[in-house]
Protein backbone atom coordinates (compact mmCIF):
# COMPACT_ATOMS: atom_id res chain seq x y z
CA UNK A 1 0.04 0.11 -0.12
CA UNK A 2 3.00 2.28 0.89
CA UNK A 3 5.48 1.06 -1.46
CA UNK A 4 3.67 0.97 -4.77
CA UNK A 5 2.79 4.83 -5.14
CA UNK A 6 6.50 5.65 -4.01
CA UNK A 7 7.98 3.29 -6.38
CA UNK A 8 5.27 4.47 -9.17
CA UNK A 9 6.40 8.05 -8.68
CA UNK A 10 10.13 7.45 -8.72
CA UNK A 11 9.38 5.76 -12.00
CA UNK A 12 7.36 8.50 -13.50
CA UNK A 13 10.12 11.35 -12.03
CA UNK A 14 12.85 9.28 -13.85
CA UNK A 15 11.15 9.17 -17.24
CA UNK A 16 9.79 12.41 -17.19
CA UNK A 17 12.78 14.11 -16.21
CA UNK A 18 14.51 12.13 -18.86
CA UNK A 19 11.99 13.40 -21.38
CA UNK A 20 12.33 16.92 -20.23
CA UNK A 21 16.11 16.72 -20.20
CA UNK A 22 16.09 15.90 -24.01
CA UNK A 23 13.26 18.22 -25.15
CA UNK A 24 14.08 21.18 -22.66
CA UNK A 25 17.68 21.25 -23.59
CA UNK A 26 17.35 20.99 -27.33
CA UNK A 27 14.79 23.85 -27.13
CA UNK A 28 17.21 25.91 -25.08
CA UNK A 29 19.64 25.37 -27.58
CA UNK A 30 17.65 26.35 -30.46
CA UNK A 31 16.51 29.40 -28.57
CA UNK A 32 19.83 30.62 -27.51
CA UNK A 33 21.88 29.68 -30.78
CA UNK A 34 19.64 30.13 -33.54
CA UNK A 35 17.80 32.70 -34.91
CA UNK A 36 14.04 31.68 -35.58
CA UNK A 37 10.92 33.29 -36.31
CA UNK A 38 8.24 33.74 -33.54
CA UNK A 39 10.92 32.91 -30.62
CA UNK A 40 8.82 34.74 -27.95
CA UNK A 41 5.79 32.83 -29.01
CA UNK A 42 7.59 29.72 -28.89
CA UNK A 43 9.43 30.39 -25.50
CA UNK A 44 5.92 31.55 -23.90
CA UNK A 45 4.59 28.28 -25.03
CA UNK A 46 7.39 26.36 -23.63
CA UNK A 47 6.99 28.19 -20.05
CA UNK A 48 3.40 28.35 -20.15
CA UNK A 49 3.13 25.19 -18.40
CA UNK A 50 4.56 26.76 -15.17
CA UNK A 51 2.03 29.60 -14.96
CA UNK A 52 -1.05 27.44 -16.03
CA UNK A 53 -3.13 26.21 -12.84
CA UNK A 54 -2.30 22.45 -13.06
CA UNK A 55 -6.16 21.61 -13.05
CA UNK A 56 -6.41 23.59 -16.41
CA UNK A 57 -3.04 21.97 -17.83
CA UNK A 58 -4.63 18.15 -16.81
CA UNK A 59 -7.79 19.35 -18.49
CA UNK A 60 -6.24 20.41 -21.67
CA UNK A 61 -4.10 17.18 -21.73
CA UNK A 62 -7.54 15.24 -20.99
CA UNK A 63 -9.07 16.86 -24.25
CA UNK A 64 -6.08 16.00 -26.12
CA UNK A 65 -5.70 12.45 -24.91
CA UNK A 66 -8.99 11.20 -24.23
CA UNK A 67 -11.01 9.01 -26.69
CA UNK A 68 -12.64 11.68 -28.32
CA UNK A 69 -9.66 13.91 -28.46
CA UNK A 70 -7.48 14.33 -31.53
CA UNK A 71 -4.32 12.41 -29.79
CA UNK A 72 -6.32 9.85 -28.20
CA UNK A 73 -8.90 8.81 -30.90
CA UNK A 74 -6.17 8.58 -33.33
CA UNK A 75 -4.19 6.14 -31.10
CA UNK A 76 -6.99 4.33 -30.07
CA UNK A 77 -8.52 3.95 -33.64
CA UNK A 78 -4.80 2.92 -35.31
CA UNK A 79 -3.13 0.96 -32.39
CA UNK A 80 -5.83 0.41 -29.95
CA UNK A 81 -3.88 2.46 -27.23
CA UNK A 82 -5.31 4.42 -24.36
CA UNK A 83 -3.33 6.91 -22.57
CA UNK A 84 -5.73 8.47 -20.40
CA UNK A 85 -5.75 6.50 -16.62
CA UNK A 86 -2.56 4.83 -17.17
CA UNK A 87 0.65 5.29 -15.79
CA UNK A 88 2.01 6.72 -19.18
CA UNK A 89 -0.33 9.40 -18.51
CA UNK A 90 1.42 10.18 -15.34
CA UNK A 91 4.53 10.31 -17.31
CA UNK A 92 3.18 12.80 -19.76
CA UNK A 93 1.62 15.08 -17.31
CA UNK A 94 4.76 15.18 -15.11
CA UNK A 95 7.02 15.73 -18.09
CA UNK A 96 5.07 19.14 -19.36
CA UNK A 97 4.79 20.28 -16.07
CA UNK A 98 8.59 19.81 -15.26
CA UNK A 99 9.80 20.90 -18.92
CA UNK A 100 9.75 24.77 -18.07
CA UNK A 101 12.18 24.23 -15.33
CA UNK A 102 14.41 21.98 -17.54
CA UNK A 103 14.20 24.51 -20.33
CA UNK A 104 15.02 27.78 -18.33
CA UNK A 105 17.68 26.27 -16.43
CA UNK A 106 19.45 24.77 -19.72
CA UNK A 107 18.92 28.27 -21.30
CA UNK A 108 20.69 29.68 -18.27
CA UNK A 109 23.57 27.28 -18.67
CA UNK A 110 23.92 27.84 -22.42
CA UNK A 111 23.78 31.68 -22.00
CA UNK A 112 26.86 31.30 -19.65
CA UNK A 113 28.85 29.59 -22.58
CA UNK A 114 31.59 31.66 -23.87
CA UNK A 115 31.45 31.18 -27.48
CA UNK A 116 35.04 31.81 -27.99
CA UNK A 117 35.42 27.94 -26.88
CA UNK A 118 32.87 26.98 -29.55
CA UNK A 119 34.56 29.12 -32.09
CA UNK A 120 38.15 27.62 -31.08
CA UNK A 121 36.84 23.85 -31.35
CA UNK A 122 35.32 24.44 -34.88
CA UNK A 123 38.74 25.90 -36.13
CA UNK A 124 40.50 22.95 -35.02
CA UNK A 125 38.33 20.68 -37.00
CA UNK A 126 35.37 19.94 -34.61
CA UNK A 127 31.83 19.36 -36.42
CA UNK A 128 28.65 20.92 -35.03
CA UNK A 129 27.55 17.71 -32.77
CA UNK A 130 31.44 17.25 -31.54
CA UNK A 131 31.42 20.99 -30.62
CA UNK A 132 27.93 20.53 -28.90
CA UNK A 133 28.60 17.44 -26.96
CA UNK A 134 32.32 18.21 -26.00
CA UNK A 135 32.14 21.82 -25.48
CA UNK A 136 28.86 23.20 -24.98
CA UNK A 137 27.21 20.86 -23.06
CA UNK A 138 30.10 20.29 -20.32
CA UNK A 139 30.57 24.05 -20.10
CA UNK A 140 26.70 24.57 -19.51
CA UNK A 141 26.79 21.47 -16.96
CA UNK A 142 25.80 23.70 -13.82
CA UNK A 143 22.58 24.65 -15.41
CA UNK A 144 21.86 21.64 -17.07
CA UNK A 145 22.37 19.68 -14.05
CA UNK A 146 20.23 22.10 -11.69
CA UNK A 147 17.46 21.41 -14.42
CA UNK A 148 17.62 17.91 -13.91
CA UNK A 149 17.42 17.86 -10.31
CA UNK A 150 14.57 20.45 -10.23
CA UNK A 151 12.48 18.82 -12.92
CA UNK A 152 12.94 15.20 -11.02
CA UNK A 153 11.33 17.13 -7.90
CA UNK A 154 9.00 18.67 -9.89
CA UNK A 155 7.84 15.21 -11.20
CA UNK A 156 7.70 13.58 -7.87
CA UNK A 157 5.39 16.20 -6.48
CA UNK A 158 3.04 16.31 -9.52
CA UNK A 159 -0.41 16.26 -8.59
CA UNK A 160 -3.37 18.42 -10.27
CA UNK A 161 -2.73 17.52 -13.77
CA UNK A 162 -1.67 13.97 -13.20
CA UNK A 163 -5.17 13.45 -11.11
CA UNK A 164 -6.81 14.94 -14.16
CA UNK A 165 -5.68 12.69 -16.95
CA UNK A 166 -4.53 9.63 -14.85
CA UNK A 167 -6.85 9.54 -11.92
CA UNK A 168 -5.94 7.55 -8.75
CA UNK A 169 -6.17 4.13 -9.49
CA UNK A 170 -3.83 2.03 -6.70
CA UNK A 171 -1.40 -0.18 -8.17
CA UNK A 172 -1.57 1.34 -11.47
CA UNK A 173 -1.68 5.33 -11.30
CA UNK A 174 -1.70 6.43 -7.62
CA UNK A 175 1.54 8.31 -7.17
CA UNK A 176 2.76 9.67 -3.64
CA UNK A 177 0.77 12.92 -4.06
CA UNK A 178 -2.38 11.51 -4.97
CA UNK A 179 -1.89 8.74 -2.48
CA UNK A 180 -1.50 11.48 0.29
CA UNK A 181 -4.49 13.47 -0.81
CA UNK A 182 -6.84 10.23 -0.75
CA UNK A 183 -5.40 9.14 2.60
CA UNK A 184 -6.41 12.72 4.03
CA UNK A 185 -9.94 12.26 2.57
CA UNK A 186 -10.36 9.08 3.68
CA UNK A 187 -9.09 9.89 7.23
CA UNK A 188 -6.24 7.37 7.24
CA UNK A 189 -3.66 9.96 8.73
CA UNK A 190 -1.23 7.62 9.72
CA UNK A 191 -0.67 6.30 6.03
CA UNK A 192 -0.81 10.00 4.90
CA UNK A 193 1.99 11.14 7.57
CA UNK A 194 4.21 8.29 6.42
CA UNK A 195 3.85 9.42 2.87
CA UNK A 196 4.31 13.11 3.53
CA UNK A 197 7.53 11.96 5.39
CA UNK A 198 8.89 10.27 2.53
CA UNK A 199 8.07 13.01 0.34
CA UNK A 200 9.62 15.74 2.60
CA UNK A 201 12.88 13.76 2.98
CA UNK A 202 13.31 13.06 -0.86
CA UNK A 203 12.88 16.72 -1.74
CA UNK A 204 15.25 17.49 1.28
CA UNK A 205 17.68 15.34 -0.14
CA UNK A 206 17.44 16.21 -3.72
CA UNK A 207 17.65 20.01 -2.77
CA UNK A 208 20.78 19.31 -0.23
CA UNK A 209 22.59 17.47 -3.06
CA UNK A 210 22.14 20.29 -5.66
CA UNK A 211 22.95 22.88 -3.28
CA UNK A 212 26.11 20.81 -2.40
CA UNK A 213 27.36 20.03 -5.98
CA UNK A 214 26.93 23.63 -7.15
CA UNK A 215 28.75 25.03 -4.03
CA UNK A 216 31.73 22.46 -4.92
CA UNK A 217 31.60 23.60 -8.76
CA UNK A 218 31.71 27.16 -7.73
CA UNK A 219 34.67 26.38 -5.50
CA UNK A 220 36.54 24.11 -7.90
CA UNK A 221 36.02 27.03 -10.84
CA UNK A 222 37.31 29.51 -8.43
CA UNK A 223 40.54 27.52 -7.88
CA UNK A 224 40.93 26.98 -11.45
CA UNK A 225 40.70 30.41 -12.32
CA UNK A 226 43.14 31.66 -9.50
CA UNK A 227 45.53 28.98 -10.95
CA UNK A 228 44.87 30.34 -14.55
């Protein structure tokens, strides 16, 4: 009863963070390095899930992914797949709500990269992928790591959108957040207390490790700059 929502939340958070990492980093790179039309509009769309109430975002996903929605009806008709009220819906909801955090952090990391290093790598014969993986990404690492950690924490705590699009089915779609809500609603305070304690400890460890890593990175960078 207690272990299932914890394991599902970890599974959802890992998959959602992975999706947010690739999509958010790619979008941040395009926005920072490329000159595209309608950049402000696209950036607003990427950040919008952080502004919208979770219930609104969940309703939008429900409309899109439901059996009568454009995406849901297509998947049901051609592949006999249903997304709503499954753990996949939990991952999609968590990915979307955590994407703005990953995007903003990756964007800040990429903006901090001095273009001189990228130009030097190109002059030495590196192609664009080698420049990105060996120069840009490592130099933007603090921002990207921050985005990964924050996205993971946000995915772990996602509630509103998940409840709308995935429901609260024990053993299938019940995450820690939904389990806490329904435990309190049912008067099961001991269960709610345990789950709250687990969520609080996980959140504390995530934030503590992030702060510790960032401080060590800053100290090492300052030492390197003094030596240089």
